[in-house]
Amino acid sequence: MPHTPRTPAPAALAPADAPRPRGRHRLRAAALLASAVSVCLLAASAPPTPLGVGDRLYPHLGNPGYDVAAYDLDLTYTGDNSKPLRAVTTIDARTTADLDRINLDFTHGTVDSVEVDGEPAGFETAGEDLVITPDDALDAGSWTRITVRHTSDPVYPEDREGGWVRTADGLAMANQADVAHLVFPCNDHPSDKARFTFRITAPDGLTAVANGLPTDVDRAGTTTTWTYRTEHPMATELAQVSIGRSAVLHRAGPHGLPVRDVVPAEHRAALEPWLAKTPGQIAWLEGKVGRYPFETYGLLMADAATGFELETQTLSLFERELFTEPGYPAWYLESIMVHELAHQWFGDSVSPKTWSDVWLNEGHATWYEALYAEEKAGKTVAARMKAAYGASDRWRAAGGPPAAPKPPAPGSKTGIFRANVYDGAALVLYALRQEIGAPAFERLERAWAERHADATASTADFVRLASDVAGRDLTGFFQGWLYGAKTPPMPGHPDWHPTATDTPSADKAGPHARLPHGGVRQAG
C-alpha cells in the first residue's frame, strides 16, 4: 500500500509529547497493539506497485507522497561509453504524506543497495519504479535522505532510447521527456524541481561538465573528480552531464554573466564564431522578457547524431555538425540558438506543471526564434504564422490542439513533440498579441517569466495572467485557440484560411527534429 495513509497507532501509544527522532515513528514491537501489528503486516505484504502523479500523457511518471529538495549524483566513468557507470544517487526530500514505501522512477540500471536515513532499506522493482521499504515508516512533513547505489547504463535497446547520449569521445545527456530515470533514480516529473550537485569521476585526459557552476576539481592518481552545483531548482528532464575530450571556453555575457561553452577540442576554432554570438543573443532576449534567470549559460556541442537540440538548463545540447557542415544559412542556425536560449526562461526557469502544458515551453521558444529571424534576417513572423495557420487544422487533427496534445504512441514516449506544440503553439501567441495588442503582450511575457521564476506553472495560470494584464476575461478566447479541434479565425487577418496542402509534420520524427517546416527547423 505505498503512498497511502497509514492507520495511526492509538493515542495511548504515542502521547503528544513523545519524542520523534527526525519526525519518524520509531514503533517497536513490544509497544504495538495487536490491531496496529495487523495493519503494518498487511502493508508490508502488499506487492510493490508502480505509481505516478496522474499526468495525462505519462500516467506512471513521477510519484506522490514527497517533494525532492536536492539530488546528489556521484558518477564514475571508466572511459568506455559502452560500459555502465558506477553511481550513487542521494536524494533529500520532505514527505507530504505518511509513507510505508517510497517509489522512485528508475529503470535500466542495477541497484546494489538502498539506505533511508543511513539505515539499510528493502527494495523491489515494479514497472519502471524502484519501490523502497524503510524499516520505519515516514510521517508526513518529515525530512528524509535516500541513498541508492546503482549502475547507470549508456547502452539501450532500440525501442527505449534516451537518457545518456553516446558521443564520439564520451557521453552527454538528453532526458526529455521521461527518460532521466533511465540514468538515475528520481522523481521524474517537471512538477518536482530540485537543486542538483554532480560529482563526476573520469580518467585523466577527459573533461566532465554539468549543469550549474564548478565548485571543485580533485585529481587523484589517474582520475579527476569534477563537482558542479546548480543555484536554482531544476526539473530532472533538464539535467546535463558531458564527459569527453572537450575544450571549455569562457566569456562574459551581459552584466558579467559567466558564459561557458563545451566543445570537442579539435573543433574549437571552427565553432568559435558561432559561440561568440551567445552574449548578444542573451542581451537581445533580456530586452524582450527580462534578466536571464540562471547563474551561467553556454552551449554543449556534442559529436553525436541526435537529430535534435535540447534546452538542458544552463548548458543547451547541440549537435556539433549542425555548425560545421554546410547546408544551413547563418540566420537559421542563429535562430535555433535563440530557440534553446529562450527555453531557459520558458520551460527551464518556468517549468510546465504537467506535460500537457508543454505548449508553453515550445510555443514561446518558437515565437522568439521566429521574432529573432524577423529582426535579424527579415524573415517576417507574419509570413511564418500565415503558413502555420494554413496547416493548423491538420496539426490539430494529427496531434491534438496545442494545450491538449494526444498521448504518445506506444514505443514513442517522445511523440508529444509534434508541430502542434511548436509552430501551432506559437500561432496561439501570435493570435494573443493580435487580440490584446503588442504592448500588453510584451508586459505579459515579462510578468510571466518573473512571477513564475524557479517554479512550475500551468496553462490555467497563463490564461489568468493574460486576462489580468489585458484587463478583461480571455477564457473564451483561449478555449478555442488552445483546446478547439478547429483553429479559430485570426484576429486582424480575416483573409487567413486553412489550406489543404500537406506540410511536413513533427509526427514523423523524433523530438525537436530538424524538419523543413516553412524553411525553419523545429528545435528542442
Protein backbone atom coordinates (compact mmCIF):
# COMPACT_ATOMS: atom_id res chain seq x y z
CA MET A 1 0.00 0.00 0.00
CA PRO A 2 2.67 2.57 -0.96
CA HIS A 3 1.93 6.26 -0.59
CA THR A 4 -1.36 5.68 1.19
CA PRO A 5 -2.22 6.96 4.70
CA ARG A 6 -1.26 4.50 7.40
CA THR A 7 -3.55 3.60 10.25
CA PRO A 8 -2.13 5.59 13.17
CA ALA A 9 -1.20 3.93 16.45
CA PRO A 10 -3.71 4.53 19.25
CA ALA A 11 -3.20 7.77 21.13
CA ALA A 12 -2.14 5.95 24.29
CA LEU A 13 0.86 4.51 22.45
CA ALA A 14 2.01 7.87 21.08
CA PRO A 15 1.40 10.72 23.54
CA ALA A 16 1.58 14.23 22.13
CA ASP A 17 4.84 14.98 23.93
CA ALA A 18 6.60 11.76 22.92
CA PRO A 19 9.92 12.40 21.12
CA ARG A 20 10.04 11.54 17.41
CA PRO A 21 13.62 11.43 16.08
CA ARG A 22 13.68 13.09 12.64
CA GLY A 23 9.87 13.22 12.75
CA ARG A 24 9.53 9.43 12.27
CA HIS A 25 7.53 6.83 14.15
CA ARG A 26 10.05 4.60 15.97
CA LEU A 27 7.44 1.96 16.68
CA ARG A 28 8.81 -1.07 18.47
CA ALA A 29 7.16 -4.46 18.51
CA ALA A 30 6.87 -4.55 22.26
CA ALA A 31 4.73 -1.39 22.26
CA LEU A 32 2.34 -2.24 19.44
CA LEU A 33 -1.22 -3.28 19.98
CA ALA A 34 -2.38 -6.30 18.04
CA SER A 35 -4.51 -4.20 15.69
CA ALA A 36 -1.59 -1.95 14.74
CA VAL A 37 0.59 -5.01 14.11
CA SER A 38 -2.03 -6.39 11.73
CA VAL A 39 -2.16 -3.17 9.74
CA CYS A 40 1.63 -2.93 9.40
CA LEU A 41 1.95 -6.57 8.37
CA LEU A 42 -0.74 -6.08 5.73
CA ALA A 43 1.07 -3.03 4.32
CA ALA A 44 4.42 -4.81 4.28
CA SER A 45 2.98 -7.83 2.48
CA ALA A 46 1.26 -5.86 -0.29
CA PRO A 47 3.04 -6.25 -3.63
CA PRO A 48 5.01 -3.24 -4.94
CA THR A 49 3.06 -1.10 -7.38
CA PRO A 50 4.25 1.48 -9.93
CA LEU A 51 2.80 4.88 -9.16
CA GLY A 52 2.51 8.25 -10.86
CA VAL A 53 1.37 11.81 -10.22
CA GLY A 54 -1.54 11.47 -12.64
CA ASP A 55 -0.03 13.18 -15.67
CA ARG A 56 -2.47 12.77 -18.56
CA LEU A 57 0.28 12.00 -21.07
CA TYR A 58 2.63 9.96 -18.83
CA PRO A 59 0.42 8.33 -16.16
CA HIS A 60 3.22 6.50 -14.34
CA LEU A 61 5.73 9.35 -14.37
CA GLY A 62 6.62 10.96 -11.04
CA ASN A 63 5.50 9.80 -7.62
CA PRO A 64 3.21 11.19 -4.93
CA GLY A 65 3.96 11.47 -1.23
CA TYR A 66 7.15 13.53 -1.16
CA ASP A 67 8.85 16.61 -2.57
CA VAL A 68 12.52 16.40 -3.53
CA ALA A 69 14.69 19.29 -2.34
CA ALA A 70 18.07 18.13 -3.64
CA TYR A 71 19.82 15.46 -5.69
CA ASP A 72 23.48 14.49 -5.30
CA LEU A 73 24.69 12.42 -8.26
CA ASP A 74 28.08 10.73 -7.93
CA LEU A 75 29.10 9.13 -11.26
CA THR A 76 32.25 7.17 -12.07
CA TYR A 77 33.08 6.74 -15.76
CA THR A 78 35.53 4.07 -16.92
CA GLY A 79 36.46 5.80 -20.18
CA ASP A 80 34.40 3.34 -22.23
CA ASN A 81 30.96 4.64 -23.20
CA SER A 82 29.66 1.14 -23.84
CA LYS A 83 30.06 0.13 -20.19
CA PRO A 84 27.85 1.05 -17.23
CA LEU A 85 28.93 3.85 -14.93
CA ARG A 86 29.09 3.24 -11.19
CA ALA A 87 26.77 5.66 -9.44
CA VAL A 88 25.48 6.81 -6.09
CA THR A 89 22.32 8.94 -6.06
CA THR A 90 21.43 10.71 -2.84
CA ILE A 91 18.01 12.35 -2.53
CA ASP A 92 16.92 14.77 0.19
CA ALA A 93 13.15 15.02 0.32
CA ARG A 94 10.30 16.17 2.52
CA THR A 95 7.33 13.85 2.82
CA THR A 96 3.87 15.20 2.04
CA ALA A 97 2.02 12.08 3.23
CA ASP A 98 2.59 9.21 5.65
CA LEU A 99 4.63 6.64 3.75
CA ASP A 100 5.27 2.94 4.35
CA ARG A 101 7.05 2.79 1.00
CA ILE A 102 8.81 5.26 -1.25
CA ASN A 103 8.56 4.97 -5.03
CA LEU A 104 11.30 6.38 -7.23
CA ASP A 105 11.35 6.35 -11.01
CA PHE A 106 14.29 4.18 -12.10
CA THR A 107 14.92 1.50 -14.69
CA HIS A 108 17.71 0.19 -16.91
CA GLY A 109 20.24 0.08 -14.09
CA THR A 110 21.25 -2.43 -11.44
CA VAL A 111 20.56 -1.42 -7.84
CA ASP A 112 23.16 -2.68 -5.37
CA SER A 113 21.79 -1.22 -2.15
CA VAL A 114 19.43 1.38 -0.71
CA GLU A 115 19.59 3.31 2.55
CA VAL A 116 16.95 5.53 4.12
CA ASP A 117 18.37 7.93 6.71
CA GLY A 118 21.54 5.88 6.89
CA GLU A 119 19.79 2.57 7.57
CA PRO A 120 19.54 -0.28 5.06
CA ALA A 121 16.16 -0.49 3.34
CA GLY A 122 14.45 -3.14 1.27
CA PHE A 123 13.80 -2.52 -2.40
CA GLU A 124 11.97 -4.10 -5.33
CA THR A 125 11.06 -3.08 -8.85
CA ALA A 126 7.57 -2.55 -10.21
CA GLY A 127 7.27 -1.43 -13.81
CA GLU A 128 9.77 1.43 -14.16
CA ASP A 129 9.65 2.20 -10.42
CA LEU A 130 12.12 1.36 -7.68
CA VAL A 131 9.96 0.66 -4.61
CA ILE A 132 11.78 1.19 -1.32
CA THR A 133 10.60 -0.12 2.05
CA PRO A 134 12.36 1.52 5.01
CA ASP A 135 12.48 -0.23 8.39
CA ASP A 136 10.43 2.59 9.90
CA ALA A 137 7.58 4.29 8.12
CA LEU A 138 7.82 8.02 7.41
CA ASP A 139 5.49 10.64 8.79
CA ALA A 140 4.12 13.44 6.62
CA GLY A 141 6.17 16.60 6.99
CA SER A 142 9.44 14.85 7.83
CA TRP A 143 12.79 15.15 6.09
CA THR A 144 14.41 12.01 4.76
CA ARG A 145 17.59 11.11 2.90
CA ILE A 146 17.55 8.25 0.41
CA THR A 147 20.83 6.82 -0.89
CA VAL A 148 20.83 4.43 -3.86
CA ARG A 149 23.98 2.68 -5.07
CA HIS A 150 23.45 1.57 -8.63
CA THR A 151 24.79 1.38 -12.16
CA SER A 152 23.89 3.74 -14.99
CA ASP A 153 23.96 2.04 -18.38
CA PRO A 154 24.54 4.18 -21.51
CA VAL A 155 23.58 1.35 -23.90
CA TYR A 156 19.86 0.97 -24.58
CA PRO A 157 17.57 -1.30 -26.57
CA GLU A 158 16.38 0.24 -29.82
CA ASP A 159 12.82 0.65 -28.54
CA ARG A 160 13.80 2.56 -25.36
CA GLU A 161 16.45 5.11 -26.24
CA GLY A 162 17.12 8.18 -24.18
CA GLY A 163 18.97 9.47 -21.20
CA TRP A 164 22.64 9.02 -21.99
CA VAL A 165 23.78 10.04 -25.47
CA ARG A 166 26.92 8.26 -26.61
CA THR A 167 29.22 10.72 -28.37
CA ALA A 168 32.36 10.17 -30.42
CA ASP A 169 34.51 10.75 -27.34
CA GLY A 170 32.26 10.09 -24.36
CA LEU A 171 28.77 10.88 -23.13
CA ALA A 172 26.13 13.58 -22.83
CA MET A 173 22.52 13.57 -21.64
CA ALA A 174 19.13 14.09 -23.29
CA ASN A 175 16.46 13.30 -20.70
CA GLN A 176 13.31 14.82 -22.21
CA ALA A 177 10.56 13.91 -21.69
CA ASP A 178 10.59 10.90 -19.39
CA VAL A 179 13.96 9.20 -19.51
CA ALA A 180 16.02 10.81 -16.74
CA HIS A 181 15.05 7.75 -14.71
CA LEU A 182 16.98 5.59 -17.16
CA VAL A 183 20.07 7.39 -15.85
CA PHE A 184 19.45 7.88 -12.12
CA PRO A 185 16.70 7.24 -9.54
CA CYS A 186 14.48 10.30 -9.26
CA ASN A 187 11.01 11.78 -9.12
CA ASP A 188 10.98 12.15 -12.88
CA HIS A 189 8.32 14.79 -13.45
CA PRO A 190 8.82 18.54 -14.06
CA SER A 191 6.39 19.39 -11.25
CA ASP A 192 9.04 18.35 -8.69
CA LYS A 193 12.07 20.57 -9.26
CA ALA A 194 15.16 20.38 -7.04
CA ARG A 195 18.72 21.61 -6.75
CA PHE A 196 21.47 19.33 -8.07
CA THR A 197 25.05 18.50 -7.16
CA PHE A 198 27.08 16.45 -9.65
CA ARG A 199 30.33 14.64 -8.89
CA ILE A 200 31.81 13.03 -11.99
CA THR A 201 34.99 10.96 -11.85
CA ALA A 202 36.70 10.26 -15.18
CA PRO A 203 40.12 9.14 -16.41
CA ASP A 204 42.74 11.82 -16.96
CA GLY A 205 42.54 13.37 -20.42
CA LEU A 206 38.76 13.70 -20.26
CA THR A 207 36.76 16.71 -19.07
CA ALA A 208 33.46 16.47 -17.22
CA VAL A 209 30.94 19.31 -17.18
CA ALA A 210 27.41 19.53 -15.76
CA ASN A 211 24.60 21.98 -15.11
CA GLY A 212 25.44 24.94 -12.90
CA LEU A 213 28.87 26.15 -11.87
CA PRO A 214 32.02 24.22 -10.91
CA THR A 215 32.84 24.07 -7.21
CA ASP A 216 35.78 21.66 -7.06
CA VAL A 217 38.29 19.70 -9.15
CA ASP A 218 40.07 16.87 -7.33
CA ARG A 219 42.87 14.95 -9.05
CA ALA A 220 43.84 11.59 -7.55
CA GLY A 221 46.07 9.10 -9.28
CA THR A 222 44.93 8.66 -12.87
CA THR A 223 41.44 10.13 -12.41
CA THR A 224 39.86 13.52 -11.81
CA THR A 225 36.62 14.26 -9.99
CA TRP A 226 34.68 17.32 -11.13
CA THR A 227 31.96 18.83 -8.93
CA TYR A 228 29.17 21.15 -10.12
CA ARG A 229 26.17 22.65 -8.33
CA THR A 230 23.06 24.41 -9.54
CA GLU A 231 21.98 27.60 -7.79
CA HIS A 232 18.39 27.22 -8.95
CA PRO A 233 15.96 24.28 -8.84
CA MET A 234 15.80 22.14 -11.96
CA ALA A 235 13.50 19.51 -13.43
CA THR A 236 15.06 16.07 -13.88
CA GLU A 237 14.47 16.19 -17.64
CA LEU A 238 16.87 19.16 -17.86
CA ALA A 239 19.88 17.51 -16.18
CA GLN A 240 23.07 17.51 -18.23
CA VAL A 241 26.43 15.77 -17.83
CA SER A 242 29.09 15.87 -20.53
CA ILE A 243 32.21 13.70 -20.47
CA GLY A 244 34.70 13.85 -23.32
CA ARG A 245 37.86 15.30 -24.83
CA SER A 246 36.42 18.73 -24.54
CA ALA A 247 37.57 22.33 -24.51
CA VAL A 248 35.72 24.54 -22.04
CA LEU A 249 35.58 28.12 -23.29
CA HIS A 250 34.71 31.12 -21.14
CA ARG A 251 33.48 34.59 -21.99
CA ALA A 252 31.42 37.30 -20.34
CA GLY A 253 27.76 37.85 -21.07
CA PRO A 254 25.51 40.78 -20.14
CA HIS A 255 26.10 42.25 -16.65
CA GLY A 256 29.08 39.92 -16.16
CA LEU A 257 27.14 36.67 -16.63
CA PRO A 258 29.57 33.73 -16.95
CA VAL A 259 29.13 32.14 -20.39
CA ARG A 260 30.68 28.68 -20.57
CA ASP A 261 30.75 26.57 -23.74
CA VAL A 262 31.80 22.92 -24.05
CA VAL A 263 33.03 21.78 -27.46
CA PRO A 264 35.13 18.96 -28.95
CA ALA A 265 38.68 20.26 -28.54
CA GLU A 266 39.61 19.56 -32.16
CA HIS A 267 36.73 21.73 -33.46
CA ARG A 268 37.27 24.68 -31.17
CA ALA A 269 38.46 27.11 -33.83
CA ALA A 270 35.66 26.28 -36.27
CA LEU A 271 32.96 26.70 -33.62
CA GLU A 272 34.25 29.90 -32.04
CA PRO A 273 32.46 32.30 -34.47
CA TRP A 274 29.13 30.75 -33.50
CA LEU A 275 29.85 30.69 -29.80
CA ALA A 276 30.80 34.36 -29.87
CA LYS A 277 27.19 35.21 -30.78
CA THR A 278 25.72 33.99 -27.49
CA PRO A 279 26.28 37.13 -25.33
CA GLY A 280 24.48 39.26 -27.91
CA GLN A 281 21.61 36.78 -28.10
CA ILE A 282 21.25 36.82 -24.32
CA ALA A 283 21.13 40.62 -24.38
CA TRP A 284 18.50 40.52 -27.15
CA LEU A 285 16.25 38.18 -25.16
CA GLU A 286 16.74 40.15 -21.96
CA GLY A 287 15.38 43.13 -23.85
CA LYS A 288 12.22 41.12 -24.58
CA VAL A 289 11.50 39.16 -21.40
CA GLY A 290 13.78 40.39 -18.61
CA ARG A 291 17.00 39.35 -16.96
CA TYR A 292 18.48 35.94 -17.75
CA PRO A 293 17.23 33.64 -14.96
CA PHE A 294 20.27 31.48 -14.09
CA GLU A 295 23.86 31.64 -12.87
CA THR A 296 25.51 30.74 -16.19
CA TYR A 297 24.74 29.75 -19.77
CA GLY A 298 26.50 28.07 -22.64
CA LEU A 299 26.36 25.59 -25.48
CA LEU A 300 27.38 21.95 -25.30
CA MET A 301 28.28 20.96 -28.85
CA ALA A 302 28.44 17.19 -28.88
CA ASP A 303 29.85 14.86 -31.51
CA ALA A 304 26.64 12.88 -31.79
CA ALA A 305 23.93 12.45 -34.41
CA THR A 306 20.83 13.06 -32.30
CA GLY A 307 18.65 14.79 -34.90
CA PHE A 308 17.62 17.39 -32.28
CA GLU A 309 18.90 20.07 -29.94
CA LEU A 310 17.82 20.32 -26.30
CA GLU A 311 17.46 23.08 -23.71
CA THR A 312 19.23 21.39 -20.78
CA GLN A 313 19.36 24.00 -18.01
CA THR A 314 22.31 26.44 -18.24
CA LEU A 315 24.01 24.22 -20.88
CA SER A 316 21.97 23.58 -24.03
CA LEU A 317 22.80 20.48 -26.07
CA PHE A 318 23.57 20.90 -29.79
CA GLU A 319 24.93 18.62 -32.49
CA ARG A 320 28.39 19.81 -33.45
CA GLU A 321 27.84 19.01 -37.15
CA LEU A 322 24.94 21.45 -37.29
CA PHE A 323 27.54 24.24 -37.19
CA THR A 324 30.48 22.70 -39.04
CA GLU A 325 28.76 21.06 -42.00
CA PRO A 326 27.36 23.17 -44.86
CA GLY A 327 23.66 23.23 -45.59
CA TYR A 328 22.01 25.73 -43.26
CA PRO A 329 22.12 29.53 -43.65
CA ALA A 330 23.61 31.56 -40.82
CA TRP A 331 20.35 33.29 -39.87
CA TYR A 332 18.68 29.92 -39.48
CA LEU A 333 21.35 28.50 -37.16
CA GLU A 334 21.32 31.65 -35.06
CA SER A 335 17.54 31.42 -34.68
CA ILE A 336 17.92 27.83 -33.44
CA MET A 337 20.46 29.02 -30.88
CA VAL A 338 17.90 31.59 -29.73
CA HIS A 339 15.20 28.89 -29.54
CA GLU A 340 17.18 26.89 -26.97
CA LEU A 341 18.24 30.05 -25.16
CA ALA A 342 14.60 31.19 -24.89
CA HIS A 343 13.81 27.90 -23.18
CA GLN A 344 15.96 28.96 -20.25
CA TRP A 345 13.10 31.34 -19.39
CA PHE A 346 10.25 29.31 -20.88
CA GLY A 347 10.46 25.66 -19.83
CA ASP A 348 13.51 25.73 -17.56
CA SER A 349 13.00 28.62 -15.12
CA VAL A 350 9.22 28.48 -15.60
CA SER A 351 8.59 24.75 -15.94
CA PRO A 352 5.35 23.07 -17.04
CA LYS A 353 3.15 21.81 -14.24
CA THR A 354 2.10 18.88 -16.44
CA TRP A 355 3.29 17.66 -19.81
CA SER A 356 0.04 18.89 -21.36
CA ASP A 357 1.43 22.38 -20.67
CA VAL A 358 4.38 21.74 -22.99
CA TRP A 359 2.97 24.26 -25.50
CA LEU A 360 4.09 26.98 -23.06
CA ASN A 361 7.67 25.74 -23.48
CA GLU A 362 7.77 25.13 -27.20
CA GLY A 363 5.36 27.84 -28.29
CA HIS A 364 7.39 30.55 -26.57
CA ALA A 365 10.75 29.23 -27.76
CA THR A 366 9.42 29.03 -31.32
CA TRP A 367 7.95 32.53 -31.00
CA TYR A 368 11.27 34.12 -30.03
CA GLU A 369 13.10 32.03 -32.63
CA ALA A 370 10.77 33.50 -35.27
CA LEU A 371 10.97 37.03 -33.87
CA TYR A 372 14.78 36.88 -33.90
CA ALA A 373 14.77 35.72 -37.53
CA GLU A 374 12.48 38.63 -38.39
CA GLU A 375 14.56 41.29 -36.66
CA LYS A 376 17.97 39.97 -37.70
CA ALA A 377 17.28 38.48 -41.14
CA GLY A 378 13.99 39.92 -42.39
CA LYS A 379 12.12 36.60 -42.21
CA THR A 380 8.74 38.01 -41.23
CA VAL A 381 6.79 36.50 -38.35
CA ALA A 382 3.51 37.19 -40.14
CA ALA A 383 4.54 35.09 -43.14
CA ARG A 384 5.56 32.18 -40.93
CA MET A 385 2.37 32.44 -38.88
CA LYS A 386 0.19 32.58 -42.01
CA ALA A 387 1.80 29.34 -43.19
CA ALA A 388 1.23 27.83 -39.73
CA TYR A 389 -2.40 28.94 -39.77
CA GLY A 390 -2.91 27.14 -43.07
CA ALA A 391 -1.59 23.90 -41.56
CA SER A 392 -3.02 24.30 -38.05
CA ASP A 393 -6.23 22.31 -38.56
CA ARG A 394 -4.23 19.35 -39.88
CA TRP A 395 -1.80 19.60 -36.97
CA ARG A 396 -4.69 19.60 -34.51
CA ALA A 397 -6.21 16.55 -36.17
CA ALA A 398 -2.89 14.69 -36.12
CA GLY A 399 -1.58 15.70 -32.70
CA GLY A 400 -4.42 17.35 -30.81
CA PRO A 401 -4.87 21.05 -30.03
CA PRO A 402 -1.85 22.85 -28.54
CA ALA A 403 -2.84 22.56 -24.85
CA ALA A 404 -4.30 19.05 -25.14
CA PRO A 405 -1.77 17.08 -27.19
CA LYS A 406 -2.56 13.48 -27.95
CA PRO A 407 -0.67 10.92 -25.86
CA PRO A 408 2.48 9.49 -27.39
CA ALA A 409 2.10 6.32 -29.40
CA PRO A 410 3.28 3.07 -27.78
CA GLY A 411 7.04 2.81 -28.13
CA SER A 412 7.39 6.53 -28.86
CA LYS A 413 7.38 8.27 -25.50
CA THR A 414 8.70 11.50 -27.04
CA GLY A 415 5.83 11.51 -29.52
CA ILE A 416 4.14 14.55 -27.93
CA PHE A 417 6.69 16.78 -29.68
CA ARG A 418 4.66 17.42 -32.81
CA ALA A 419 4.14 20.51 -34.93
CA ASN A 420 1.02 21.42 -32.92
CA VAL A 421 3.14 22.33 -29.87
CA TYR A 422 5.81 24.19 -31.89
CA ASP A 423 4.53 26.47 -34.65
CA GLY A 424 0.96 25.57 -33.69
CA ALA A 425 1.55 26.95 -30.20
CA ALA A 426 3.50 29.96 -31.46
CA LEU A 427 0.42 30.68 -33.58
CA VAL A 428 -1.60 30.94 -30.35
CA LEU A 429 0.83 33.57 -29.05
CA TYR A 430 0.60 35.48 -32.32
CA ALA A 431 -3.20 35.43 -32.08
CA LEU A 432 -2.96 36.65 -28.48
CA ARG A 433 -0.75 39.56 -29.48
CA GLN A 434 -3.21 40.41 -32.24
CA GLU A 435 -6.07 40.27 -29.71
CA ILE A 436 -4.59 42.34 -26.84
CA GLY A 437 -2.01 44.44 -28.71
CA ALA A 438 1.80 44.31 -28.71
CA PRO A 439 2.36 46.49 -25.58
CA ALA A 440 0.09 44.32 -23.39
CA PHE A 441 1.61 41.15 -24.86
CA GLU A 442 5.12 42.31 -24.01
CA ARG A 443 4.07 43.16 -20.43
CA LEU A 444 2.53 39.70 -20.13
CA GLU A 445 5.72 37.96 -21.25
CA ARG A 446 7.86 39.78 -18.71
CA ALA A 447 5.33 39.24 -15.93
CA TRP A 448 5.08 35.51 -16.72
CA ALA A 449 8.85 34.97 -16.60
CA GLU A 450 9.20 36.98 -13.39
CA ARG A 451 6.17 35.73 -11.47
CA HIS A 452 6.86 32.02 -12.01
CA ALA A 453 10.68 32.01 -11.97
CA ASP A 454 12.18 28.86 -10.42
CA ALA A 455 8.69 27.33 -10.22
CA THR A 456 6.13 25.46 -12.25
CA ALA A 457 3.08 26.93 -13.94
CA SER A 458 0.08 25.69 -15.88
CA THR A 459 -1.99 26.74 -18.86
CA ALA A 460 -4.65 27.98 -16.44
CA ASP A 461 -2.02 30.19 -14.78
CA PHE A 462 -1.14 31.70 -18.16
CA VAL A 463 -4.78 32.35 -19.03
CA ARG A 464 -5.34 34.09 -15.67
CA LEU A 465 -2.27 36.28 -16.01
CA ALA A 466 -3.08 37.19 -19.60
CA SER A 467 -6.59 38.21 -18.52
CA ASP A 468 -5.18 40.33 -15.69
CA VAL A 469 -2.73 42.10 -17.99
CA ALA A 470 -5.36 42.64 -20.70
CA GLY A 471 -7.91 43.89 -18.18
CA ARG A 472 -10.62 41.50 -19.42
CA ASP A 473 -11.51 37.84 -19.26
CA LEU A 474 -9.74 35.95 -22.06
CA THR A 475 -11.03 32.50 -21.09
CA GLY A 476 -13.29 32.24 -24.15
CA PHE A 477 -10.52 33.39 -26.48
CA PHE A 478 -8.08 30.80 -25.14
CA GLN A 479 -10.64 28.00 -25.11
CA GLY A 480 -10.83 27.92 -28.89
CA TRP A 481 -7.17 28.57 -29.55
CA LEU A 482 -5.82 26.08 -27.03
CA TYR A 483 -8.46 23.33 -27.00
CA GLY A 484 -10.52 23.61 -30.17
CA ALA A 485 -10.50 20.90 -32.82
CA LYS A 486 -10.51 23.68 -35.43
CA THR A 487 -8.37 26.80 -35.49
CA PRO A 488 -10.36 29.97 -34.69
CA PRO A 489 -10.33 32.99 -37.04
CA MET A 490 -7.13 35.01 -36.71
CA PRO A 491 -7.73 38.48 -35.24
CA GLY A 492 -6.79 41.13 -37.77
CA HIS A 493 -6.41 38.63 -40.61
CA PRO A 494 -9.86 37.66 -41.93
CA ASP A 495 -8.19 36.57 -45.17
CA TRP A 496 -6.24 33.72 -43.50
CA HIS A 497 -7.75 30.30 -44.14
CA PRO A 498 -6.79 26.66 -43.58
CA THR A 499 -5.11 25.04 -46.57
CA ALA A 500 -5.34 21.53 -47.91
CA THR A 501 -1.68 21.32 -48.93
CA ASP A 502 0.34 18.82 -46.97
CA THR A 503 3.28 20.22 -44.97
CA PRO A 504 5.98 18.34 -43.07
CA SER A 505 4.92 17.41 -39.57
CA ALA A 506 6.86 16.52 -36.46
CA ASP A 507 4.61 13.46 -36.11
CA LYS A 508 7.04 11.53 -38.29
CA ALA A 509 10.21 12.41 -36.42
CA GLY A 510 11.82 12.25 -33.03
CA PRO A 511 11.64 15.12 -30.56
CA HIS A 512 12.64 18.54 -31.82
CA ALA A 513 13.79 17.13 -35.16
CA ARG A 514 15.09 19.33 -37.95
CA LEU A 515 12.28 19.46 -40.45
CA PRO A 516 11.79 21.78 -43.43
CA HIS A 517 8.79 23.47 -41.85
CA GLY A 518 8.38 26.77 -43.63
CA GLY A 519 12.14 26.79 -44.10
CA VAL A 520 12.66 26.86 -40.35
CA ARG A 521 13.72 23.97 -38.17
CA GLN A 522 11.80 22.89 -35.12
CA ALA A 523 14.15 22.87 -32.18
CA GLY A 524 14.00 21.42 -28.72
